[in-house]
Amino acid sequence: MENQGNQIRRNDKVWVKTYEKLGIQYDIDMPAANTSLIDIFEQNFVKHAGKTAFVCMDAKLAYEDLDRYSKQIAAYLQSLGLKKGDKVGVMMPNILQLPVAVLGVLRAGMTLVNVNPLYTSKELEHQLTDSDTKALFILENFAKTYEEIGKDLVDHVVVTSMGDLMSPLKGFIVNMVVRHVKKLVPDYNLKSSTNFKTALNRFPAKNYKRPDNICLDDVAVLQYTGGTTGVAKGAMLTHGNLVANLIQCDTYLGDTFDKFEGMSEQPVIMTALPLYHIFSFTVCGMFGLYRGCIGLLVPNPRDAASLIKAYKDYPPAFFPAVNTLFNALANSEVFKALDHSKLQLSMGGGMAVLKDTAEKWQKITGNVIVQGYGLSETSPVASANPQGNGEFSGNIGLPMPATDMAILDEEGNEVALGERGEICVRGPQVMKGYWKRDDATAEVMTADGYFRTGDIGVMDEEGYFKIVDRKKNMILVSGFNVYPNEVEDVMSAHPKILECGVIGVEDEKSGEVPKIYVVRSDDSLTKEEVLAYSKENLTGYKRPRYVEFIDELPKSNVGKILHKDLRLLEEKNHG
């Protein structure tokens, strides 16, 4: 249906002519319906045998090892009695065990649930409960978070340590430093958990039974997002959604990697963004495997020294990042002094790349940052700027191949060229819907198959899109969505808070940060108490950075908090 629609629209969508001018193919060739991501992985394990798949802290994982280990994890999961489509969570930063676990889940025919390891117990409990997760792979650093939920939400917990897939000596040293020097592993007691190495070695790869009934329409990943309402829900991304986005990305980015074909040198993808985030998951993790790259895993991108060392030791060809990371590196004298000659392509996503940042980056690296746009619901890439334009555009580019984007008004009608409206996306990478939330799915999908992004934008005469306003209330903190109602719900549970309202305020480092306006029920409440409570109950990027006490919140006649009036108040008093 989508392919037919694309053919019908070819003549009336202005970006198709721009594609023709640029010599880019608009249509994509999808594989047969009875294929899946498993087929993609298997082909590439054979094609790239003998090459390195991932590097983390100088420890390497070869493609053949990734093939074998992921089969062993898949065999372990199958031995637990889990069946096709059962949900399995992976809660880790960027370490070697993450791709092994992820591919093990998918190869077993199960559905991956990407879990942010920085979640609080409350946030983790919601996601595990809502998704009906049956098994969880977790780094020991975060095992205490699961334990603090206070009940067994999943049937099987597999706990790993940082050094589990490194050489015995290196792994021992890394684990000692993590546990006893940096003290990053709080004491925990999960009585029924299994050690990752035990799970990995329980069965040989030959015990793995390849599922024969996985197809493009099956759900591969539950990617949790606030959507446009802030209530965390799982976007159902199918094998077809993700395969389509890999092919679409290859149409735009492939030239960079084609240069390495037939060479002994592999292209390196700087994987500093966390792989549990959909931008990094697809553009770094999955796409890297698709093109036979080395994924350079950075466990903690905030550790600038380690990140810069990794960049120096394994100079990347491709660097996807968010504005805050580009900006931090562009202002580092150590980073400026490095050799950037290997860097072919830099891509910005997750949040708007600022012109000042892009100019600094280009001066240092010679790379024009290619800005793209996407959401969890679009697997994620919906649009991007083609390479080779020579200058930073500040827009979000053209719709990806085989993708239809439109600017619609409130009634769902397309607006005139250059007019503002809601950016809507239709294409093979758009999610199947929200897990167990038909109501929420209906709210964001139009009758003719467009996904309403909630972002306000315009389109120019060549088909390039530009965002001109953010989602109504969403706060974008370093590429992560923060929804005021979620923060308000948590913070209003404080016994001294009568009610509260949260808005985003500008921040040089993160783009935006949350600010909370509080109506006290007890005048003794201090800003420090508010901030301390948020630290206990919210993931770092969701915590309010600023607190202001107010006598009364602006509300509508039905009692709804008027965030736009709070923003006006902020501008009046602090603008």
Protein backbone atom coordinates (compact mmCIF):
# COMPACT_ATOMS: atom_id res chain seq x y z
CA MET A 1 0.00 0.00 0.00
CA GLU A 2 2.79 2.39 0.92
CA ASN A 3 4.70 1.65 -2.28
CA GLN A 4 1.61 2.33 -4.37
CA GLY A 5 1.11 5.56 -2.47
CA ASN A 6 4.67 6.61 -3.16
CA GLN A 7 4.18 6.00 -6.88
CA ILE A 8 0.99 8.07 -6.89
CA ARG A 9 2.69 10.91 -5.04
CA ARG A 10 5.85 11.02 -7.11
CA ASN A 11 4.53 13.77 -9.38
CA ASP A 12 3.07 16.06 -6.74
CA LYS A 13 5.79 16.06 -4.06
CA VAL A 14 8.39 18.73 -4.68
CA TRP A 15 11.22 16.86 -2.99
CA VAL A 16 11.08 14.12 -5.65
CA LYS A 17 12.42 16.66 -8.15
CA THR A 18 15.15 17.59 -5.67
CA TYR A 19 16.05 13.90 -5.40
CA GLU A 20 16.36 13.76 -9.18
CA LYS A 21 18.61 16.85 -9.21
CA LEU A 22 20.85 15.31 -6.56
CA GLY A 23 20.95 11.93 -8.29
CA ILE A 24 19.48 10.14 -5.25
CA GLN A 25 17.07 7.23 -5.69
CA TYR A 26 13.72 7.94 -4.03
CA ASP A 27 12.28 4.43 -4.11
CA ILE A 28 13.76 1.63 -2.02
CA ASP A 29 13.79 -2.11 -2.61
CA MET A 30 12.47 -3.87 0.46
CA PRO A 31 13.25 -7.58 0.94
CA ALA A 32 10.53 -10.21 0.78
CA ALA A 33 7.86 -10.09 3.48
CA ASN A 34 9.02 -13.37 5.04
CA THR A 35 12.49 -11.99 5.88
CA SER A 36 13.59 -10.19 9.04
CA LEU A 37 16.49 -8.48 10.79
CA ILE A 38 17.79 -11.99 11.55
CA ASP A 39 18.43 -12.49 7.82
CA ILE A 40 20.27 -9.15 7.64
CA PHE A 41 22.51 -10.09 10.58
CA GLU A 42 23.26 -13.57 9.28
CA GLN A 43 24.28 -12.29 5.85
CA ASN A 44 26.65 -9.76 7.40
CA PHE A 45 28.19 -12.20 9.88
CA VAL A 46 29.27 -14.23 6.85
CA LYS A 47 30.25 -11.23 4.74
CA HIS A 48 32.37 -9.61 7.46
CA ALA A 49 33.81 -12.69 9.15
CA GLY A 50 37.32 -11.97 10.39
CA LYS A 51 36.57 -8.29 10.97
CA THR A 52 36.03 -6.40 14.24
CA ALA A 53 32.42 -5.61 15.12
CA PHE A 54 32.83 -3.56 18.32
CA VAL A 55 35.56 -2.03 20.47
CA CYS A 56 35.07 -0.91 24.07
CA MET A 57 37.88 0.32 26.33
CA ASP A 58 40.39 -1.29 23.92
CA ALA A 59 38.67 -4.70 24.18
CA LYS A 60 37.50 -6.04 20.80
CA LEU A 61 34.59 -8.23 19.71
CA ALA A 62 34.87 -9.86 16.27
CA TYR A 63 31.92 -10.48 13.95
CA GLU A 64 32.31 -14.26 14.33
CA ASP A 65 32.32 -13.91 18.14
CA LEU A 66 29.22 -11.71 18.00
CA ASP A 67 27.58 -14.36 15.80
CA ARG A 68 28.45 -17.20 18.20
CA TYR A 69 27.74 -15.35 21.45
CA SER A 70 24.37 -14.04 20.28
CA LYS A 71 23.37 -17.58 19.25
CA GLN A 72 24.35 -18.80 22.72
CA ILE A 73 22.26 -16.09 24.39
CA ALA A 74 19.36 -16.89 22.06
CA ALA A 75 19.66 -20.60 22.98
CA TYR A 76 19.68 -19.65 26.68
CA LEU A 77 16.50 -17.57 26.28
CA GLN A 78 14.79 -20.33 24.32
CA SER A 79 15.71 -22.80 27.09
CA LEU A 80 13.74 -20.71 29.60
CA GLY A 81 10.50 -21.54 27.82
CA LEU A 82 10.10 -18.05 26.41
CA LYS A 83 8.24 -17.96 23.13
CA LYS A 84 8.05 -15.84 19.99
CA GLY A 85 7.23 -12.21 20.78
CA ASP A 86 7.95 -12.42 24.52
CA LYS A 87 9.55 -9.21 25.80
CA VAL A 88 13.16 -9.18 26.98
CA GLY A 89 14.70 -6.02 28.44
CA VAL A 90 18.31 -4.90 28.05
CA MET A 91 19.44 -2.30 30.60
CA MET A 92 23.08 -1.42 29.91
CA PRO A 93 25.26 1.45 28.78
CA ASN A 94 27.45 1.02 25.68
CA ILE A 95 29.48 -2.09 26.59
CA LEU A 96 30.30 -5.23 24.59
CA GLN A 97 27.56 -7.27 26.25
CA LEU A 98 24.85 -4.95 24.94
CA PRO A 99 25.01 -5.95 21.22
CA VAL A 100 25.39 -9.61 22.24
CA ALA A 101 22.23 -9.45 24.36
CA VAL A 102 20.30 -7.38 21.81
CA LEU A 103 21.09 -9.73 18.94
CA GLY A 104 20.45 -12.74 21.17
CA VAL A 105 16.95 -11.48 21.93
CA LEU A 106 16.14 -10.79 18.28
CA ARG A 107 17.65 -14.04 17.01
CA ALA A 108 15.56 -15.96 19.57
CA GLY A 109 12.46 -14.49 17.91
CA MET A 110 11.64 -12.33 20.91
CA THR A 111 10.93 -8.62 21.26
CA LEU A 112 13.65 -6.33 22.58
CA VAL A 113 12.74 -3.73 25.20
CA ASN A 114 15.42 -1.03 25.31
CA VAL A 115 15.77 0.20 28.90
CA ASN A 116 17.55 3.36 30.05
CA PRO A 117 20.03 2.27 32.76
CA LEU A 118 19.72 5.66 34.44
CA TYR A 119 16.05 5.09 35.27
CA THR A 120 14.86 5.38 38.83
CA SER A 121 13.11 2.35 40.36
CA LYS A 122 9.73 3.98 39.74
CA GLU A 123 10.45 4.56 36.05
CA LEU A 124 11.86 1.06 35.65
CA GLU A 125 8.85 -0.49 37.36
CA HIS A 126 6.48 1.29 34.97
CA GLN A 127 8.33 0.13 31.86
CA LEU A 128 8.77 -3.48 32.95
CA THR A 129 5.15 -3.75 34.07
CA ASP A 130 3.67 -2.01 31.04
CA SER A 131 5.73 -4.07 28.57
CA ASP A 132 5.17 -7.38 30.38
CA THR A 133 8.90 -8.04 30.22
CA LYS A 134 9.75 -11.67 30.99
CA ALA A 135 13.55 -11.44 31.26
CA LEU A 136 16.02 -8.63 31.93
CA PHE A 137 19.72 -8.26 31.14
CA ILE A 138 21.21 -5.66 33.47
CA LEU A 139 24.65 -4.28 34.30
CA GLU A 140 25.50 -4.82 37.98
CA ASN A 141 25.95 -1.06 38.45
CA PHE A 142 22.16 -0.74 38.14
CA ALA A 143 21.01 -3.98 39.80
CA LYS A 144 20.17 -2.03 42.97
CA THR A 145 17.62 0.00 40.97
CA TYR A 146 15.76 -3.18 40.07
CA GLU A 147 16.05 -4.56 43.60
CA GLU A 148 14.54 -1.37 45.05
CA ILE A 149 11.30 -2.01 43.17
CA GLY A 150 10.70 -4.49 45.96
CA LYS A 151 9.08 -7.26 43.95
CA ASP A 152 9.99 -9.71 41.19
CA LEU A 153 8.57 -8.08 38.09
CA VAL A 154 10.37 -10.35 35.62
CA ASP A 155 10.85 -14.11 35.68
CA HIS A 156 14.54 -14.09 34.82
CA VAL A 157 17.31 -11.56 35.62
CA VAL A 158 20.77 -11.84 34.07
CA VAL A 159 23.41 -9.63 35.70
CA THR A 160 26.62 -8.70 33.92
CA SER A 161 29.81 -6.90 34.98
CA MET A 162 31.70 -4.36 32.87
CA GLY A 163 34.59 -6.73 32.11
CA ASP A 164 32.65 -9.90 31.31
CA LEU A 165 33.57 -10.01 27.60
CA MET A 166 37.12 -8.73 27.99
CA SER A 167 40.20 -10.91 28.38
CA PRO A 168 40.40 -12.51 31.87
CA LEU A 169 43.13 -10.15 33.11
CA LYS A 170 41.67 -6.98 31.61
CA GLY A 171 38.17 -7.92 32.75
CA PHE A 172 39.41 -8.55 36.30
CA ILE A 173 41.16 -5.17 36.41
CA VAL A 174 38.19 -3.29 34.95
CA ASN A 175 35.76 -4.91 37.39
CA MET A 176 38.06 -4.15 40.34
CA VAL A 177 38.31 -0.48 39.34
CA VAL A 178 34.56 -0.15 38.72
CA ARG A 179 33.61 -1.86 41.99
CA HIS A 180 36.30 -0.83 44.44
CA VAL A 181 38.09 2.25 43.12
CA LYS A 182 35.27 4.19 41.47
CA LYS A 183 32.67 2.47 43.68
CA LEU A 184 30.07 2.44 40.90
CA VAL A 185 28.33 -0.76 42.03
CA PRO A 186 25.98 -0.27 44.99
CA ASP A 187 25.44 -3.37 47.12
CA TYR A 188 22.53 -5.46 45.89
CA ASN A 189 20.98 -8.84 46.58
CA LEU A 190 19.10 -10.48 43.72
CA LYS A 191 18.75 -14.04 44.95
CA SER A 192 17.38 -15.64 41.79
CA SER A 193 19.55 -13.84 39.24
CA THR A 194 21.93 -15.52 36.77
CA ASN A 195 25.43 -14.35 35.92
CA PHE A 196 25.89 -13.26 32.30
CA LYS A 197 28.85 -15.59 31.75
CA THR A 198 26.82 -18.51 33.11
CA ALA A 199 23.93 -17.70 30.76
CA LEU A 200 26.32 -17.26 27.83
CA ASN A 201 28.08 -20.58 28.38
CA ARG A 202 25.10 -22.71 29.36
CA PHE A 203 24.54 -23.90 25.79
CA PRO A 204 26.78 -24.08 22.70
CA ALA A 205 25.75 -22.14 19.61
CA LYS A 206 24.61 -25.37 17.91
CA ASN A 207 21.72 -25.56 20.41
CA TYR A 208 20.23 -22.38 18.94
CA LYS A 209 17.03 -23.01 16.99
CA ARG A 210 16.52 -20.36 14.36
CA PRO A 211 12.86 -19.27 14.35
CA ASP A 212 11.33 -19.90 10.95
CA ASN A 213 8.22 -17.79 11.33
CA ILE A 214 9.62 -14.28 11.88
CA CYS A 215 8.60 -11.79 9.19
CA LEU A 216 8.82 -8.06 8.46
CA ASP A 217 5.49 -7.38 10.15
CA ASP A 218 6.56 -8.86 13.50
CA VAL A 219 7.48 -6.46 16.31
CA ALA A 220 11.25 -6.40 16.86
CA VAL A 221 11.61 -3.61 19.42
CA LEU A 222 9.45 -1.88 22.01
CA GLN A 223 10.98 1.60 22.19
CA TYR A 224 9.57 3.54 25.13
CA THR A 225 8.79 7.18 24.58
CA GLY A 226 6.63 9.91 26.01
CA GLY A 227 5.09 10.32 22.57
CA THR A 228 3.20 13.61 22.50
CA THR A 229 1.53 13.17 25.89
CA GLY A 230 4.33 12.33 28.30
CA VAL A 231 2.93 9.00 29.51
CA ALA A 232 5.73 6.55 28.73
CA LYS A 233 4.50 3.98 26.22
CA GLY A 234 6.12 1.48 23.90
CA ALA A 235 6.36 2.29 20.20
CA MET A 236 6.09 -1.04 18.38
CA LEU A 237 8.88 -1.06 15.80
CA THR A 238 8.66 -4.01 13.45
CA HIS A 239 11.47 -5.84 11.68
CA GLY A 240 10.18 -4.11 8.53
CA ASN A 241 10.33 -0.64 10.12
CA LEU A 242 13.97 -1.11 11.10
CA VAL A 243 15.05 -2.83 7.88
CA ALA A 244 13.44 0.00 5.90
CA ASN A 245 15.26 2.64 7.96
CA LEU A 246 18.59 0.86 7.44
CA ILE A 247 18.03 0.87 3.67
CA GLN A 248 16.90 4.51 3.79
CA CYS A 249 19.97 5.55 5.80
CA ASP A 250 22.21 3.64 3.39
CA THR A 251 20.76 5.60 0.46
CA TYR A 252 21.86 8.84 2.13
CA LEU A 253 25.03 7.75 3.94
CA GLY A 254 26.27 4.84 1.86
CA ASP A 255 28.80 6.81 -0.21
CA THR A 256 30.89 7.37 2.92
CA PHE A 257 31.16 3.63 3.53
CA ASP A 258 31.48 2.59 -0.11
CA LYS A 259 34.97 4.14 -0.06
CA PHE A 260 36.08 1.37 2.29
CA GLU A 261 34.84 -1.50 0.08
CA GLY A 262 37.73 -3.78 -0.82
CA MET A 263 40.05 -2.11 1.67
CA SER A 264 41.58 -3.81 4.70
CA GLU A 265 40.69 -0.79 6.81
CA GLN A 266 37.21 -0.80 8.35
CA PRO A 267 35.21 2.38 8.89
CA VAL A 268 34.73 3.23 12.57
CA ILE A 269 31.43 4.61 13.90
CA MET A 270 31.81 6.71 17.03
CA THR A 271 29.11 5.30 19.30
CA ALA A 272 29.07 7.79 22.14
CA LEU A 273 25.31 8.21 22.24
CA PRO A 274 23.63 5.48 24.34
CA LEU A 275 22.38 2.55 22.30
CA TYR A 276 19.15 2.34 24.30
CA HIS A 277 18.22 5.64 22.58
CA ILE A 278 16.63 5.01 19.18
CA PHE A 279 18.92 7.44 17.29
CA SER A 280 22.04 5.59 18.36
CA PHE A 281 20.37 2.16 18.24
CA THR A 282 19.60 2.42 14.52
CA VAL A 283 22.17 4.88 13.16
CA CYS A 284 25.17 3.59 15.14
CA GLY A 285 24.40 0.03 16.26
CA MET A 286 22.21 -1.52 13.58
CA PHE A 287 23.61 0.51 10.67
CA GLY A 288 27.18 -0.26 11.74
CA LEU A 289 26.46 -3.99 11.57
CA TYR A 290 24.62 -3.49 8.28
CA ARG A 291 27.73 -1.92 6.70
CA GLY A 292 30.38 -4.05 8.41
CA CYS A 293 31.77 -1.21 10.51
CA ILE A 294 33.55 -1.12 13.84
CA GLY A 295 31.27 0.29 16.53
CA LEU A 296 33.45 2.29 18.93
CA LEU A 297 31.51 1.97 22.18
CA VAL A 298 31.80 4.75 24.77
CA PRO A 299 30.16 3.66 28.06
CA ASN A 300 29.95 7.19 29.47
CA PRO A 301 29.93 10.09 26.96
CA ARG A 302 30.16 12.57 29.85
CA ASP A 303 33.64 11.24 30.60
CA ALA A 304 35.32 13.58 28.11
CA ALA A 305 38.82 12.24 28.70
CA SER A 306 37.81 8.64 27.90
CA LEU A 307 35.78 9.71 24.89
CA ILE A 308 38.64 11.77 23.45
CA LYS A 309 41.10 8.92 24.07
CA ALA A 310 38.82 6.51 22.20
CA TYR A 311 38.51 8.99 19.31
CA LYS A 312 42.32 9.33 19.19
CA ASP A 313 43.01 5.59 19.35
CA TYR A 314 40.29 4.62 16.84
CA PRO A 315 39.72 7.65 14.56
CA PRO A 316 36.12 7.46 13.38
CA ALA A 317 34.83 7.84 9.83
CA PHE A 318 31.28 8.56 11.02
CA PHE A 319 30.25 10.48 14.13
CA PRO A 320 26.52 10.76 14.95
CA ALA A 321 25.90 12.99 17.97
CA VAL A 322 23.67 15.61 19.54
CA ASN A 323 24.45 19.32 19.68
CA THR A 324 25.61 19.21 23.30
CA LEU A 325 28.26 16.59 22.54
CA PHE A 326 29.48 18.36 19.39
CA ASN A 327 29.65 21.61 21.35
CA ALA A 328 31.54 20.13 24.31
CA LEU A 329 34.17 18.61 22.01
CA ALA A 330 34.43 21.74 19.86
CA ASN A 331 35.36 23.68 23.00
CA SER A 332 37.97 21.16 24.14
CA GLU A 333 41.57 22.15 23.39
CA VAL A 334 42.61 18.49 23.64
CA PHE A 335 40.01 17.48 21.03
CA LYS A 336 40.95 20.34 18.72
CA ALA A 337 44.55 19.13 18.65
CA LEU A 338 43.65 15.62 17.42
CA ASP A 339 44.02 14.35 13.86
CA HIS A 340 40.57 14.57 12.23
CA SER A 341 41.57 13.46 8.74
CA LYS A 342 39.71 10.13 8.97
CA LEU A 343 36.39 11.77 9.86
CA GLN A 344 34.21 11.64 6.73
CA LEU A 345 30.76 12.38 8.05
CA SER A 346 29.19 13.98 11.14
CA MET A 347 25.44 13.70 11.71
CA GLY A 348 23.33 15.63 14.19
CA GLY A 349 20.03 14.39 15.55
CA GLY A 350 17.98 14.18 18.73
CA MET A 351 17.91 17.96 19.12
CA ALA A 352 18.57 20.98 16.92
CA VAL A 353 22.20 21.56 16.00
CA LEU A 354 23.03 25.21 16.60
CA LYS A 355 24.71 27.21 13.85
CA ASP A 356 27.51 28.34 16.18
CA THR A 357 28.27 24.73 17.11
CA ALA A 358 28.21 23.62 13.47
CA GLU A 359 30.62 26.39 12.48
CA LYS A 360 33.08 25.49 15.25
CA TRP A 361 32.87 21.80 14.35
CA GLN A 362 33.49 22.45 10.67
CA LYS A 363 36.48 24.66 11.44
CA ILE A 364 38.04 21.92 13.62
CA THR A 365 37.16 18.77 11.67
CA GLY A 366 36.39 20.00 8.16
CA ASN A 367 32.97 18.29 8.43
CA VAL A 368 29.69 20.01 7.71
CA ILE A 369 27.26 18.51 10.25
CA VAL A 370 24.45 16.75 8.38
CA GLN A 371 21.30 17.34 10.39
CA GLY A 372 18.53 14.77 10.45
CA TYR A 373 15.16 14.44 12.15
CA GLY A 374 13.25 11.58 13.62
CA LEU A 375 11.40 10.13 16.55
CA SER A 376 11.11 6.80 18.34
CA GLU A 377 7.93 6.26 16.35
CA THR A 378 9.81 6.58 13.03
CA SER A 379 12.61 4.10 13.80
CA PRO A 380 13.94 6.96 13.97
CA VAL A 381 15.07 8.75 10.79
CA ALA A 382 12.25 10.56 8.97
CA SER A 383 14.29 13.20 7.15
CA ALA A 384 17.90 14.26 6.65
CA ASN A 385 20.08 16.60 4.67
CA PRO A 386 21.92 14.95 1.80
CA GLN A 387 25.70 15.04 2.00
CA GLY A 388 27.79 17.45 0.02
CA ASN A 389 25.75 20.65 0.28
CA GLY A 390 28.89 22.41 1.48
CA GLU A 391 27.32 24.41 4.28
CA PHE A 392 25.23 23.89 7.39
CA SER A 393 21.60 24.51 6.52
CA GLY A 394 19.88 24.61 9.90
CA ASN A 395 16.92 22.67 8.48
CA ILE A 396 16.01 19.01 8.95
CA GLY A 397 16.44 18.09 5.30
CA LEU A 398 14.35 16.16 2.81
CA PRO A 399 12.04 13.25 3.63
CA MET A 400 13.95 9.96 3.56
CA PRO A 401 13.52 7.73 0.50
CA ALA A 402 10.03 6.19 0.16
CA THR A 403 8.83 8.63 2.84
CA ASP A 404 6.04 11.14 2.57
CA MET A 405 6.08 14.16 4.87
CA ALA A 406 3.38 16.79 4.99
CA ILE A 407 2.60 20.00 6.86
CA LEU A 408 -0.97 19.61 8.08
CA ASP A 409 -3.39 21.95 9.87
CA GLU A 410 -5.56 20.97 12.84
CA GLU A 411 -8.16 19.42 10.51
CA GLY A 412 -5.58 17.29 8.73
CA ASN A 413 -5.42 19.36 5.55
CA GLU A 414 -2.12 20.24 3.87
CA VAL A 415 -1.25 23.92 4.26
CA ALA A 416 0.10 26.15 1.51
CA LEU A 417 3.83 26.05 0.75
CA GLY A 418 5.80 28.03 3.32
CA GLU A 419 2.98 28.08 5.88
CA ARG A 420 3.31 26.67 9.38
CA GLY A 421 1.64 23.46 10.43
CA GLU A 422 2.27 20.12 12.09
CA ILE A 423 4.98 17.94 10.54
CA CYS A 424 3.45 14.54 9.72
CA VAL A 425 5.23 11.44 8.42
CA ARG A 426 4.07 8.45 6.38
CA GLY A 427 6.43 5.69 5.30
CA PRO A 428 7.71 2.15 5.87
CA GLN A 429 9.67 3.22 8.98
CA VAL A 430 6.58 4.49 10.87
CA MET A 431 5.71 2.32 13.88
CA LYS A 432 2.96 -0.28 13.98
CA GLY A 433 1.41 1.59 16.92
CA TYR A 434 1.76 1.94 20.68
CA TRP A 435 1.83 -1.28 22.71
CA LYS A 436 -1.57 -1.89 24.37
CA ARG A 437 -2.57 1.73 23.64
CA ASP A 438 -5.01 1.81 20.74
CA ASP A 439 -6.36 5.09 22.08
CA ALA A 440 -2.94 6.76 22.02
CA THR A 441 -2.22 5.29 18.58
CA ALA A 442 -5.47 6.72 17.22
CA GLU A 443 -4.55 10.16 18.58
CA VAL A 444 -1.33 10.35 16.58
CA MET A 445 -2.26 8.52 13.35
CA THR A 446 -4.45 10.12 10.68
CA ALA A 447 -7.01 8.10 8.74
CA ASP A 448 -4.70 8.01 5.71
CA GLY A 449 -1.66 6.79 7.63
CA TYR A 450 0.28 9.90 8.63
CA PHE A 451 1.99 9.98 12.02
CA ARG A 452 1.47 13.35 13.72
CA THR A 453 4.83 14.34 15.22
CA GLY A 454 3.55 17.30 17.24
CA ASP A 455 6.40 19.44 15.87
CA ILE A 456 5.50 22.62 14.01
CA GLY A 457 7.35 23.23 10.78
CA VAL A 458 7.41 24.66 7.28
CA MET A 459 8.46 23.25 3.91
CA ASP A 460 10.22 25.25 1.19
CA GLU A 461 9.83 25.03 -2.59
CA GLU A 462 12.52 22.32 -2.89
CA GLY A 463 10.99 20.04 -0.25
CA TYR A 464 13.32 20.87 2.64
CA PHE A 465 11.63 20.94 6.03
CA LYS A 466 12.41 23.22 8.96
CA ILE A 467 11.13 23.04 12.54
CA VAL A 468 9.90 26.43 13.73
CA ASP A 469 8.35 25.49 17.05
CA ARG A 470 8.65 22.63 19.51
CA LYS A 471 5.93 20.30 20.65
CA LYS A 472 3.47 22.18 22.78
CA ASN A 473 4.89 21.43 26.18
CA MET A 474 7.79 19.07 25.58
CA ILE A 475 11.23 19.99 26.90
CA LEU A 476 14.22 18.76 24.89
CA VAL A 477 17.21 18.11 27.16
CA SER A 478 20.32 17.05 25.22
CA GLY A 479 18.15 15.13 22.76
CA PHE A 480 15.94 13.47 25.39
CA ASN A 481 12.22 14.23 25.59
CA VAL A 482 10.99 15.48 28.96
CA TYR A 483 7.25 15.88 29.42
CA PRO A 484 6.07 18.34 32.08
CA ASN A 485 3.11 16.24 33.20
CA GLU A 486 5.38 13.28 34.04
CA VAL A 487 7.70 15.47 36.14
CA GLU A 488 4.71 17.23 37.73
CA ASP A 489 3.14 13.90 38.63
CA VAL A 490 6.30 12.76 40.44
CA MET A 491 7.05 16.08 42.15
CA SER A 492 3.49 16.72 43.34
CA ALA A 493 3.81 13.65 45.57
CA HIS A 494 6.13 15.66 47.84
CA PRO A 495 4.17 16.27 51.06
CA LYS A 496 5.00 19.99 51.10
CA ILE A 497 4.04 20.65 47.45
CA LEU A 498 0.43 21.65 46.89
CA GLU A 499 0.80 21.74 43.12
CA CYS A 500 3.45 22.47 40.53
CA GLY A 501 4.03 23.32 36.88
CA VAL A 502 7.09 22.53 34.79
CA ILE A 503 8.44 24.33 31.72
CA GLY A 504 11.68 24.31 29.75
CA VAL A 505 14.14 27.17 29.99
CA GLU A 506 17.16 27.79 27.76
CA ASP A 507 20.46 26.27 28.78
CA GLU A 508 23.78 26.79 27.04
CA LYS A 509 24.93 23.21 27.63
CA SER A 510 21.75 21.12 27.22
CA GLY A 511 19.66 23.33 24.95
CA GLU A 512 16.86 23.31 27.51
CA VAL A 513 16.43 22.21 31.11
CA PRO A 514 13.29 21.82 33.24
CA LYS A 515 12.25 24.56 35.63
CA ILE A 516 9.55 23.92 38.24
CA TYR A 517 7.07 26.46 39.57
CA VAL A 518 5.86 25.32 42.99
CA VAL A 519 2.85 26.25 45.09
CA ARG A 520 3.75 25.26 48.66
CA SER A 521 1.40 23.57 51.09
CA ASP A 522 3.99 24.17 53.81
CA ASP A 523 5.92 27.44 53.84
CA SER A 524 8.98 25.72 55.28
CA LEU A 525 9.66 24.01 51.93
CA THR A 526 13.00 25.10 50.47
CA LYS A 527 14.42 24.95 46.95
CA GLU A 528 17.06 22.53 48.22
CA GLU A 529 14.35 20.13 49.41
CA VAL A 530 12.64 20.28 46.03
CA LEU A 531 15.88 19.54 44.17
CA ALA A 532 16.79 16.73 46.58
CA TYR A 533 13.37 15.10 46.09
CA SER A 534 13.74 15.28 42.31
CA LYS A 535 17.16 13.65 42.57
CA GLU A 536 15.64 10.72 44.47
CA ASN A 537 12.75 10.19 42.08
CA LEU A 538 13.70 11.24 38.56
CA THR A 539 16.33 10.32 35.99
CA GLY A 540 19.02 13.00 35.73
CA TYR A 541 17.85 14.71 32.54
CA LYS A 542 14.26 14.95 33.83
CA ARG A 543 15.16 16.73 37.10
CA PRO A 544 14.26 20.42 37.43
CA ARG A 545 17.40 22.57 37.50
CA TYR A 546 15.58 25.65 38.75
CA VAL A 547 12.86 26.12 41.36
CA GLU A 548 10.59 29.11 41.74
CA PHE A 549 7.85 29.43 44.34
CA ILE A 550 4.58 30.94 43.24
CA ASP A 551 1.29 31.71 45.00
CA GLU A 552 -0.95 30.28 42.29
CA LEU A 553 -0.47 28.47 38.98
CA PRO A 554 -2.16 29.85 35.84
CA LYS A 555 -5.01 27.51 34.87
CA SER A 556 -7.77 27.15 32.31
CA ASN A 557 -11.42 27.32 33.26
CA VAL A 558 -11.41 23.54 33.69
CA GLY A 559 -8.39 23.65 35.97
CA LYS A 560 -5.69 22.59 33.50
CA ILE A 561 -2.24 24.11 34.09
CA LEU A 562 -1.51 26.66 31.35
CA HIS A 563 2.11 26.03 30.51
CA LYS A 564 2.10 28.76 27.89
CA ASP A 565 1.23 31.28 30.61
CA LEU A 566 4.04 29.94 32.77
CA ARG A 567 6.39 30.50 29.84
CA LEU A 568 5.10 34.06 29.45
CA LEU A 569 5.67 34.62 33.16
CA GLU A 570 9.20 33.28 32.80
CA GLU A 571 9.88 35.63 29.89
CA LYS A 572 8.44 38.61 31.76
CA ASN A 573 10.39 38.02 34.98
CA HIS A 574 13.62 36.52 33.67
CA GLY A 575 13.72 37.12 29.91
